[in-house]
Amino acid sequence: MRFGVLLLPNRSWPELTDAWRSLDGLSRLDSVWVADHLANPYRREQPWFDGWTCLTAMAQVTERARVGTLVSPMTFHNPARLAKAAVSVDHLSGGRLELAVGSGGSGFDQVLAQAEPGAPAERAPRFEAFVQRLEGLIVREDLQPRPVRGRIPLTIGGNSRAVLRIAARHADRWNTYVGWQLSPEEGRRLTAERNRYLDELCAASGRKVLRSALIGHSFVAETPFRSHDAFDEFVAAYEEAGIDELILYWPPEFAMPEGAVEPGLFERLFS
């Protein structure tokens, strides 16, 4: 199992840079991610920094972990601008960028960007066209420089069957946040069900797609940091559901019930 962490850009700049450096020093963490919205969808009164500005700074203050936004929505990103930013940050990080995109789930982002949400049936083809345009721009030989390792791994984020079909055709990684206010049993069941469907799609497309899950207590009421045994059970359950990578919110207390985090466990698990 791979592990990553997601930070919200709602802290002071010194707090963010200190956190990125500290997390980069935990050897069992493979990746560090930042959310990419125009504002906090749930707490609009909070300060909120731009995701790609954060990512640029993160690339400079880290040395080992792979870095990315989870995810950059088509809501307010132009594919040409995003492709240029991605290649630039890829070079800045020494080839550690993970490019993750989604169709856009925040209604507040849509309001701020004056973007039409569109019906789900309309949004899926628009999103696939966005992904195809992004891929095509990144591989163009007349756009220099090229990515450090020739290409940048692409993550497709989302839960719908339409998104799974797009992931099977284009992605290196599929990332799911599973749902909203689900029980652990329901979250694990849905994850396994979606992975079985993605297995069928990948068998047809011939692609191998890494399966990744972003787990937050508001999405699925998991409490993996309650104890070491709870963490082991949680990891085993998502492995059984077909997940290759777990991305967890930092700090571990984020949105957790009181008493659901054993002090110091996070550092012990990932050091």
C-alpha atoms as a PDB file:
ATOM      1  CA  MET A   1       0.000   0.000   0.000  1.00  0.00           C
ATOM      2  CA  ARG A   2       1.196   3.490  -0.856  1.00  0.00           C
ATOM      3  CA  PHE A   3       0.390   6.433   1.414  1.00  0.00           C
ATOM      4  CA  GLY A   4      -0.037  10.135   0.801  1.00  0.00           C
ATOM      5  CA  VAL A   5      -1.380  13.157   2.641  1.00  0.00           C
ATOM      6  CA  LEU A   6      -3.602  16.050   1.592  1.00  0.00           C
ATOM      7  CA  LEU A   7      -3.368  19.492   3.178  1.00  0.00           C
ATOM      8  CA  LEU A   8      -5.924  22.242   2.845  1.00  0.00           C
ATOM      9  CA  PRO A   9      -4.350  25.614   1.938  1.00  0.00           C
ATOM     10  CA  ASN A  10      -6.133  27.332   4.822  1.00  0.00           C
ATOM     11  CA  ARG A  11      -3.161  27.945   7.111  1.00  0.00           C
ATOM     12  CA  SER A  12      -0.647  30.737   7.228  1.00  0.00           C
ATOM     13  CA  TRP A  13       2.172  30.536   4.696  1.00  0.00           C
ATOM     14  CA  PRO A  14       4.843  29.717   7.334  1.00  0.00           C
ATOM     15  CA  GLU A  15       2.599  26.948   8.739  1.00  0.00           C
ATOM     16  CA  LEU A  16       2.118  25.441   5.282  1.00  0.00           C
ATOM     17  CA  THR A  17       5.816  25.444   4.390  1.00  0.00           C
ATOM     18  CA  ASP A  18       6.768  23.968   7.781  1.00  0.00           C
ATOM     19  CA  ALA A  19       4.166  21.222   7.325  1.00  0.00           C
ATOM     20  CA  TRP A  20       5.341  20.369   3.791  1.00  0.00           C
ATOM     21  CA  ARG A  21       8.954  20.077   4.958  1.00  0.00           C
ATOM     22  CA  SER A  22       7.975  17.951   7.939  1.00  0.00           C
ATOM     23  CA  LEU A  23       5.811  15.586   5.901  1.00  0.00           C
ATOM     24  CA  ASP A  24       8.510  15.241   3.253  1.00  0.00           C
ATOM     25  CA  GLY A  25      10.758  13.926   6.029  1.00  0.00           C
ATOM     26  CA  LEU A  26       8.395  10.998   6.824  1.00  0.00           C
ATOM     27  CA  SER A  27       9.835   8.188   4.723  1.00  0.00           C
ATOM     28  CA  ARG A  28       6.642   6.102   4.428  1.00  0.00           C
ATOM     29  CA  LEU A  29       4.703   8.960   2.846  1.00  0.00           C
ATOM     30  CA  ASP A  30       5.016   8.713  -0.921  1.00  0.00           C
ATOM     31  CA  SER A  31       3.144  11.883  -1.843  1.00  0.00           C
ATOM     32  CA  VAL A  32       1.985  15.242  -0.508  1.00  0.00           C
ATOM     33  CA  TRP A  33      -1.038  16.953  -2.071  1.00  0.00           C
ATOM     34  CA  VAL A  34      -2.868  20.259  -1.776  1.00  0.00           C
ATOM     35  CA  ALA A  35      -6.540  20.955  -2.444  1.00  0.00           C
ATOM     36  CA  ASP A  36      -7.361  23.117  -5.481  1.00  0.00           C
ATOM     37  CA  HIS A  37     -10.461  25.275  -5.073  1.00  0.00           C
ATOM     38  CA  LEU A  38     -11.061  29.013  -5.308  1.00  0.00           C
ATOM     39  CA  ALA A  39     -12.275  29.037  -1.697  1.00  0.00           C
ATOM     40  CA  ASN A  40     -13.130  26.540   1.002  1.00  0.00           C
ATOM     41  CA  PRO A  41     -16.450  25.064  -0.205  1.00  0.00           C
ATOM     42  CA  TYR A  42     -17.608  24.445   3.381  1.00  0.00           C
ATOM     43  CA  ARG A  43     -16.000  27.276   5.397  1.00  0.00           C
ATOM     44  CA  ARG A  44     -16.029  30.335   3.180  1.00  0.00           C
ATOM     45  CA  GLU A  45     -14.870  32.619   6.001  1.00  0.00           C
ATOM     46  CA  GLN A  46     -11.479  30.860   6.093  1.00  0.00           C
ATOM     47  CA  PRO A  47      -8.371  32.153   4.340  1.00  0.00           C
ATOM     48  CA  TRP A  48      -7.617  29.974   1.316  1.00  0.00           C
ATOM     49  CA  PHE A  49      -4.531  30.089  -0.903  1.00  0.00           C
ATOM     50  CA  ASP A  50      -4.374  29.166  -4.593  1.00  0.00           C
ATOM     51  CA  GLY A  51      -3.610  25.482  -5.175  1.00  0.00           C
ATOM     52  CA  TRP A  52      -0.989  25.867  -7.915  1.00  0.00           C
ATOM     53  CA  THR A  53       0.787  28.695  -6.109  1.00  0.00           C
ATOM     54  CA  CYS A  54       0.976  26.364  -3.096  1.00  0.00           C
ATOM     55  CA  LEU A  55       2.206  23.539  -5.315  1.00  0.00           C
ATOM     56  CA  THR A  56       5.013  25.707  -6.698  1.00  0.00           C
ATOM     57  CA  ALA A  57       6.168  26.515  -3.174  1.00  0.00           C
ATOM     58  CA  MET A  58       5.777  22.886  -2.085  1.00  0.00           C
ATOM     59  CA  ALA A  59       7.992  21.738  -4.951  1.00  0.00           C
ATOM     60  CA  GLN A  60      10.724  24.063  -3.698  1.00  0.00           C
ATOM     61  CA  VAL A  61      10.653  23.139  -0.009  1.00  0.00           C
ATOM     62  CA  THR A  62      10.395  19.351  -0.469  1.00  0.00           C
ATOM     63  CA  GLU A  63      13.013  16.975  -1.835  1.00  0.00           C
ATOM     64  CA  ARG A  64      11.615  13.436  -1.867  1.00  0.00           C
ATOM     65  CA  ALA A  65       7.819  13.099  -1.910  1.00  0.00           C
ATOM     66  CA  ARG A  66       5.828  13.358  -5.097  1.00  0.00           C
ATOM     67  CA  VAL A  67       3.591  16.424  -5.185  1.00  0.00           C
ATOM     68  CA  GLY A  68       0.283  17.392  -6.749  1.00  0.00           C
ATOM     69  CA  THR A  69      -3.099  19.064  -6.449  1.00  0.00           C
ATOM     70  CA  LEU A  70      -6.013  16.805  -5.611  1.00  0.00           C
ATOM     71  CA  VAL A  71      -7.683  17.628  -7.900  1.00  0.00           C
ATOM     72  CA  SER A  72      -7.508  20.547 -10.337  1.00  0.00           C
ATOM     73  CA  PRO A  73     -11.033  20.969 -11.745  1.00  0.00           C
ATOM     74  CA  MET A  74     -11.882  21.888 -15.304  1.00  0.00           C
ATOM     75  CA  THR A  75     -14.242  24.463 -13.721  1.00  0.00           C
ATOM     76  CA  PHE A  76     -11.627  27.217 -13.688  1.00  0.00           C
ATOM     77  CA  HIS A  77      -8.575  25.745 -15.449  1.00  0.00           C
ATOM     78  CA  ASN A  78      -7.783  26.229 -19.112  1.00  0.00           C
ATOM     79  CA  PRO A  79      -6.026  23.076 -20.402  1.00  0.00           C
ATOM     80  CA  ALA A  80      -3.248  25.033 -22.157  1.00  0.00           C
ATOM     81  CA  ARG A  81      -2.501  27.092 -19.065  1.00  0.00           C
ATOM     82  CA  LEU A  82      -2.660  23.995 -16.867  1.00  0.00           C
ATOM     83  CA  ALA A  83      -0.307  22.058 -19.160  1.00  0.00           C
ATOM     84  CA  LYS A  84       2.275  24.847 -19.035  1.00  0.00           C
ATOM     85  CA  ALA A  85       2.007  25.115 -15.259  1.00  0.00           C
ATOM     86  CA  ALA A  86       2.338  21.336 -14.899  1.00  0.00           C
ATOM     87  CA  VAL A  87       5.524  21.081 -16.948  1.00  0.00           C
ATOM     88  CA  SER A  88       6.990  24.076 -15.086  1.00  0.00           C
ATOM     89  CA  VAL A  89       6.299  22.554 -11.652  1.00  0.00           C
ATOM     90  CA  ASP A  90       7.545  19.185 -12.909  1.00  0.00           C
ATOM     91  CA  HIS A  91      10.922  20.797 -13.623  1.00  0.00           C
ATOM     92  CA  LEU A  92      10.889  22.759 -10.384  1.00  0.00           C
ATOM     93  CA  SER A  93      10.338  19.536  -8.422  1.00  0.00           C
ATOM     94  CA  GLY A  94      12.898  17.483 -10.342  1.00  0.00           C
ATOM     95  CA  GLY A  95      10.235  15.339 -12.019  1.00  0.00           C
ATOM     96  CA  ARG A  96       8.079  14.704  -8.925  1.00  0.00           C
ATOM     97  CA  LEU A  97       4.778  16.113 -10.188  1.00  0.00           C
ATOM     98  CA  GLU A  98       1.531  14.124 -10.244  1.00  0.00           C
ATOM     99  CA  LEU A  99      -1.062  15.865 -12.435  1.00  0.00           C
ATOM    100  CA  ALA A 100      -4.564  15.238 -11.075  1.00  0.00           C
ATOM    101  CA  VAL A 101      -7.753  16.619 -12.638  1.00  0.00           C
ATOM    102  CA  GLY A 102     -11.480  16.364 -12.111  1.00  0.00           C
ATOM    103  CA  SER A 103     -14.690  17.591 -13.679  1.00  0.00           C
ATOM    104  CA  GLY A 104     -15.355  19.971 -10.777  1.00  0.00           C
ATOM    105  CA  GLY A 105     -17.611  19.271  -7.822  1.00  0.00           C
ATOM    106  CA  SER A 106     -17.732  22.557  -5.873  1.00  0.00           C
ATOM    107  CA  GLY A 107     -20.762  24.684  -6.584  1.00  0.00           C
ATOM    108  CA  PHE A 108     -19.026  27.694  -5.054  1.00  0.00           C
ATOM    109  CA  ASP A 109     -16.137  27.317  -7.517  1.00  0.00           C
ATOM    110  CA  GLN A 110     -18.676  27.338 -10.336  1.00  0.00           C
ATOM    111  CA  VAL A 111     -20.241  30.540  -8.999  1.00  0.00           C
ATOM    112  CA  LEU A 112     -16.900  32.309  -8.603  1.00  0.00           C
ATOM    113  CA  ALA A 113     -15.659  31.176 -12.027  1.00  0.00           C
ATOM    114  CA  GLN A 114     -19.040  31.951 -13.657  1.00  0.00           C
ATOM    115  CA  ALA A 115     -18.971  28.422 -15.050  1.00  0.00           C
ATOM    116  CA  GLU A 116     -22.079  26.595 -16.157  1.00  0.00           C
ATOM    117  CA  PRO A 117     -22.377  23.354 -14.150  1.00  0.00           C
ATOM    118  CA  GLY A 118     -24.196  21.451 -16.878  1.00  0.00           C
ATOM    119  CA  ALA A 119     -26.072  18.189 -16.450  1.00  0.00           C
ATOM    120  CA  PRO A 120     -23.953  15.131 -15.566  1.00  0.00           C
ATOM    121  CA  ALA A 121     -24.631  13.633 -19.008  1.00  0.00           C
ATOM    122  CA  GLU A 122     -23.216  16.781 -20.624  1.00  0.00           C
ATOM    123  CA  ARG A 123     -20.302  17.231 -18.225  1.00  0.00           C
ATOM    124  CA  ALA A 124     -18.700  13.821 -18.861  1.00  0.00           C
ATOM    125  CA  PRO A 125     -17.951  14.389 -22.570  1.00  0.00           C
ATOM    126  CA  ARG A 126     -16.731  17.921 -21.800  1.00  0.00           C
ATOM    127  CA  PHE A 127     -14.414  16.501 -19.161  1.00  0.00           C
ATOM    128  CA  GLU A 128     -13.019  13.854 -21.498  1.00  0.00           C
ATOM    129  CA  ALA A 129     -12.375  16.531 -24.133  1.00  0.00           C
ATOM    130  CA  PHE A 130     -10.594  18.573 -21.435  1.00  0.00           C
ATOM    131  CA  VAL A 131      -8.415  15.560 -20.534  1.00  0.00           C
ATOM    132  CA  GLN A 132      -7.596  14.802 -24.171  1.00  0.00           C
ATOM    133  CA  ARG A 133      -6.639  18.424 -24.831  1.00  0.00           C
ATOM    134  CA  LEU A 134      -4.439  18.470 -21.720  1.00  0.00           C
ATOM    135  CA  GLU A 135      -2.706  15.229 -22.729  1.00  0.00           C
ATOM    136  CA  GLY A 136      -2.153  16.466 -26.267  1.00  0.00           C
ATOM    137  CA  LEU A 137      -0.583  19.720 -25.124  1.00  0.00           C
ATOM    138  CA  ILE A 138       1.815  18.075 -22.701  1.00  0.00           C
ATOM    139  CA  VAL A 139       3.263  15.785 -25.388  1.00  0.00           C
ATOM    140  CA  ARG A 140       3.636  18.485 -28.066  1.00  0.00           C
ATOM    141  CA  GLU A 141       7.254  18.705 -29.191  1.00  0.00           C
ATOM    142  CA  ASP A 142       6.915  22.394 -30.061  1.00  0.00           C
ATOM    143  CA  LEU A 143       6.084  23.277 -26.434  1.00  0.00           C
ATOM    144  CA  GLN A 144       9.368  23.360 -24.556  1.00  0.00           C
ATOM    145  CA  PRO A 145      10.655  22.277 -22.157  1.00  0.00           C
ATOM    146  CA  ARG A 146       9.389  18.715 -22.167  1.00  0.00           C
ATOM    147  CA  PRO A 147       8.538  16.956 -18.873  1.00  0.00           C
ATOM    148  CA  VAL A 148      11.601  15.822 -16.930  1.00  0.00           C
ATOM    149  CA  ARG A 149      10.905  12.111 -17.484  1.00  0.00           C
ATOM    150  CA  GLY A 150       9.203  12.525 -20.852  1.00  0.00           C
ATOM    151  CA  ARG A 151       5.669  12.444 -19.437  1.00  0.00           C
ATOM    152  CA  ILE A 152       3.749  13.390 -16.313  1.00  0.00           C
ATOM    153  CA  PRO A 153       1.552  10.769 -14.599  1.00  0.00           C
ATOM    154  CA  LEU A 154      -2.140  11.645 -14.925  1.00  0.00           C
ATOM    155  CA  THR A 155      -4.718  11.143 -12.187  1.00  0.00           C
ATOM    156  CA  ILE A 156      -8.444  11.263 -12.889  1.00  0.00           C
ATOM    157  CA  GLY A 157     -10.570  12.009  -9.836  1.00  0.00           C
ATOM    158  CA  GLY A 158     -14.244  11.259  -9.263  1.00  0.00           C
ATOM    159  CA  ASN A 159     -16.792   8.623  -8.351  1.00  0.00           C
ATOM    160  CA  SER A 160     -19.168   8.253 -11.286  1.00  0.00           C
ATOM    161  CA  ARG A 161     -19.181   5.431 -13.805  1.00  0.00           C
ATOM    162  CA  ALA A 162     -18.532   8.041 -16.520  1.00  0.00           C
ATOM    163  CA  VAL A 163     -15.374   9.144 -14.707  1.00  0.00           C
ATOM    164  CA  LEU A 164     -14.283   5.519 -14.358  1.00  0.00           C
ATOM    165  CA  ARG A 165     -14.668   5.067 -18.107  1.00  0.00           C
ATOM    166  CA  ILE A 166     -12.512   8.155 -18.728  1.00  0.00           C
ATOM    167  CA  ALA A 167      -9.919   6.899 -16.231  1.00  0.00           C
ATOM    168  CA  ALA A 168      -9.736   3.525 -17.971  1.00  0.00           C
ATOM    169  CA  ARG A 169      -8.979   5.272 -21.268  1.00  0.00           C
ATOM    170  CA  HIS A 170      -6.551   7.957 -20.076  1.00  0.00           C
ATOM    171  CA  ALA A 171      -5.362   7.718 -16.469  1.00  0.00           C
ATOM    172  CA  ASP A 172      -2.334   6.358 -14.660  1.00  0.00           C
ATOM    173  CA  ARG A 173      -4.252   6.711 -11.391  1.00  0.00           C
ATOM    174  CA  TRP A 174      -7.918   6.880 -10.471  1.00  0.00           C
ATOM    175  CA  ASN A 175      -8.686   8.686  -7.223  1.00  0.00           C
ATOM    176  CA  THR A 176     -11.980   8.486  -5.352  1.00  0.00           C
ATOM    177  CA  TYR A 177     -13.186  10.348  -2.267  1.00  0.00           C
ATOM    178  CA  VAL A 178     -15.804   7.551  -2.051  1.00  0.00           C
ATOM    179  CA  GLY A 179     -18.894   9.558  -1.069  1.00  0.00           C
ATOM    180  CA  TRP A 180     -20.443  11.803   1.542  1.00  0.00           C
ATOM    181  CA  GLN A 181     -21.263  10.896   5.150  1.00  0.00           C
ATOM    182  CA  LEU A 182     -21.001   7.167   4.549  1.00  0.00           C
ATOM    183  CA  SER A 183     -20.469   4.483   7.158  1.00  0.00           C
ATOM    184  CA  PRO A 184     -17.185   2.568   6.948  1.00  0.00           C
ATOM    185  CA  GLU A 185     -19.063  -0.505   5.723  1.00  0.00           C
ATOM    186  CA  GLU A 186     -20.825   1.419   2.955  1.00  0.00           C
ATOM    187  CA  GLY A 187     -17.620   3.208   1.901  1.00  0.00           C
ATOM    188  CA  ARG A 188     -15.700  -0.030   1.625  1.00  0.00           C
ATOM    189  CA  ARG A 189     -18.512  -1.724  -0.276  1.00  0.00           C
ATOM    190  CA  LEU A 190     -18.798   1.113  -2.798  1.00  0.00           C
ATOM    191  CA  THR A 191     -15.032   1.186  -3.278  1.00  0.00           C
ATOM    192  CA  ALA A 192     -14.897  -2.528  -4.037  1.00  0.00           C
ATOM    193  CA  GLU A 193     -17.844  -2.224  -6.422  1.00  0.00           C
ATOM    194  CA  ARG A 194     -16.216   0.630  -8.350  1.00  0.00           C
ATOM    195  CA  ASN A 195     -12.904  -1.190  -8.521  1.00  0.00           C
ATOM    196  CA  ARG A 196     -14.592  -4.249 -10.005  1.00  0.00           C
ATOM    197  CA  TYR A 197     -16.148  -2.037 -12.684  1.00  0.00           C
ATOM    198  CA  LEU A 198     -12.778  -0.386 -13.365  1.00  0.00           C
ATOM    199  CA  ASP A 199     -11.220  -3.856 -13.666  1.00  0.00           C
ATOM    200  CA  GLU A 200     -13.676  -4.637 -16.467  1.00  0.00           C
ATOM    201  CA  LEU A 201     -12.959  -1.332 -18.207  1.00  0.00           C
ATOM    202  CA  CYS A 202      -9.189  -1.739 -17.946  1.00  0.00           C
ATOM    203  CA  ALA A 203      -9.385  -5.268 -19.333  1.00  0.00           C
ATOM    204  CA  ALA A 204     -11.022  -3.751 -22.404  1.00  0.00           C
ATOM    205  CA  SER A 205      -8.698  -0.734 -22.689  1.00  0.00           C
ATOM    206  CA  GLY A 206      -5.486  -2.599 -21.898  1.00  0.00           C
ATOM    207  CA  ARG A 207      -4.422   0.068 -19.384  1.00  0.00           C
ATOM    208  CA  LYS A 208      -3.142  -0.492 -15.867  1.00  0.00           C
ATOM    209  CA  VAL A 209      -4.618   2.130 -13.534  1.00  0.00           C
ATOM    210  CA  LEU A 210      -3.479   2.605  -9.945  1.00  0.00           C
ATOM    211  CA  ARG A 211      -6.432   2.745  -7.524  1.00  0.00           C
ATOM    212  CA  SER A 212      -6.281   5.583  -4.986  1.00  0.00           C
ATOM    213  CA  ALA A 213      -8.710   6.677  -2.261  1.00  0.00           C
ATOM    214  CA  LEU A 214      -8.824  10.001  -0.430  1.00  0.00           C
ATOM    215  CA  ILE A 215     -10.306   9.238   2.986  1.00  0.00           C
ATOM    216  CA  GLY A 216     -11.789  12.006   5.105  1.00  0.00           C
ATOM    217  CA  HIS A 217     -14.142  11.503   8.026  1.00  0.00           C
ATOM    218  CA  SER A 218     -16.813  13.666   6.384  1.00  0.00           C
ATOM    219  CA  PHE A 219     -16.698  11.403   3.322  1.00  0.00           C
ATOM    220  CA  VAL A 220     -16.456   8.041   5.091  1.00  0.00           C
ATOM    221  CA  ALA A 221     -16.608   7.825   8.887  1.00  0.00           C
ATOM    222  CA  GLU A 222     -13.307   5.974   9.242  1.00  0.00           C
ATOM    223  CA  THR A 223     -11.118   6.550  12.309  1.00  0.00           C
ATOM    224  CA  PRO A 224      -7.806   4.965  11.279  1.00  0.00           C
ATOM    225  CA  PHE A 225      -5.690   6.861  13.813  1.00  0.00           C
ATOM    226  CA  ARG A 226      -7.615   5.654  16.856  1.00  0.00           C
ATOM    227  CA  SER A 227      -4.908   3.016  17.428  1.00  0.00           C
ATOM    228  CA  HIS A 228      -2.258   1.043  15.554  1.00  0.00           C
ATOM    229  CA  ASP A 229      -4.634  -1.917  15.357  1.00  0.00           C
ATOM    230  CA  ALA A 230      -7.382   0.320  13.926  1.00  0.00           C
ATOM    231  CA  PHE A 231      -4.976   1.594  11.273  1.00  0.00           C
ATOM    232  CA  ASP A 232      -3.927  -1.923  10.293  1.00  0.00           C
ATOM    233  CA  GLU A 233      -7.574  -3.031  10.003  1.00  0.00           C
ATOM    234  CA  PHE A 234      -8.413   0.034   7.914  1.00  0.00           C
ATOM    235  CA  VAL A 235      -5.516  -0.543   5.507  1.00  0.00           C
ATOM    236  CA  ALA A 236      -6.329  -4.242   5.135  1.00  0.00           C
ATOM    237  CA  ALA A 237      -9.990  -3.443   4.394  1.00  0.00           C
ATOM    238  CA  TYR A 238      -9.128  -1.022   1.595  1.00  0.00           C
ATOM    239  CA  GLU A 239      -6.538  -3.405   0.158  1.00  0.00           C
ATOM    240  CA  GLU A 240      -9.269  -6.026   0.012  1.00  0.00           C
ATOM    241  CA  ALA A 241     -11.508  -3.474  -1.741  1.00  0.00           C
ATOM    242  CA  GLY A 242      -8.864  -3.087  -4.462  1.00  0.00           C
ATOM    243  CA  ILE A 243      -7.116   0.113  -3.351  1.00  0.00           C
ATOM    244  CA  ASP A 244      -3.367   0.548  -4.003  1.00  0.00           C
ATOM    245  CA  GLU A 245      -2.945   3.956  -2.354  1.00  0.00           C
ATOM    246  CA  LEU A 246      -4.541   5.723   0.601  1.00  0.00           C
ATOM    247  CA  ILE A 247      -4.391   9.503   0.834  1.00  0.00           C
ATOM    248  CA  LEU A 248      -5.242  10.885   4.267  1.00  0.00           C
ATOM    249  CA  TYR A 249      -5.898  14.375   5.517  1.00  0.00           C
ATOM    250  CA  TRP A 250      -3.279  16.185   7.564  1.00  0.00           C
ATOM    251  CA  PRO A 251      -3.326  16.968  10.387  1.00  0.00           C
ATOM    252  CA  PRO A 252      -4.810  13.588  11.393  1.00  0.00           C
ATOM    253  CA  GLU A 253      -7.260  15.337  13.744  1.00  0.00           C
ATOM    254  CA  PHE A 254      -8.916  17.096  10.788  1.00  0.00           C
ATOM    255  CA  ALA A 255     -12.710  16.597  11.009  1.00  0.00           C
ATOM    256  CA  MET A 256     -12.242  13.639  13.376  1.00  0.00           C
ATOM    257  CA  PRO A 257     -14.428  13.108  16.459  1.00  0.00           C
ATOM    258  CA  GLU A 258     -12.866  14.054  19.779  1.00  0.00           C
ATOM    259  CA  GLY A 259     -10.623  11.273  21.056  1.00  0.00           C
ATOM    260  CA  ALA A 260     -10.377   9.515  17.688  1.00  0.00           C
ATOM    261  CA  VAL A 261      -6.648  10.179  17.241  1.00  0.00           C
ATOM    262  CA  GLU A 262      -3.938   8.587  19.366  1.00  0.00           C
ATOM    263  CA  PRO A 263      -1.293  11.260  20.039  1.00  0.00           C
ATOM    264  CA  GLY A 264       1.921  10.706  18.065  1.00  0.00           C
ATOM    265  CA  LEU A 265       0.560   7.719  16.121  1.00  0.00           C
ATOM    266  CA  PHE A 266       0.689   9.449  12.735  1.00  0.00           C
ATOM    267  CA  GLU A 267       4.416  10.174  13.049  1.00  0.00           C
ATOM    268  CA  ARG A 268       5.146   6.655  14.316  1.00  0.00           C
ATOM    269  CA  LEU A 269       3.241   5.066  11.443  1.00  0.00           C
ATOM    270  CA  PHE A 270       4.925   7.007   8.664  1.00  0.00           C
ATOM    271  CA  SER A 271       8.464   7.644   9.922  1.00  0.00           C
END
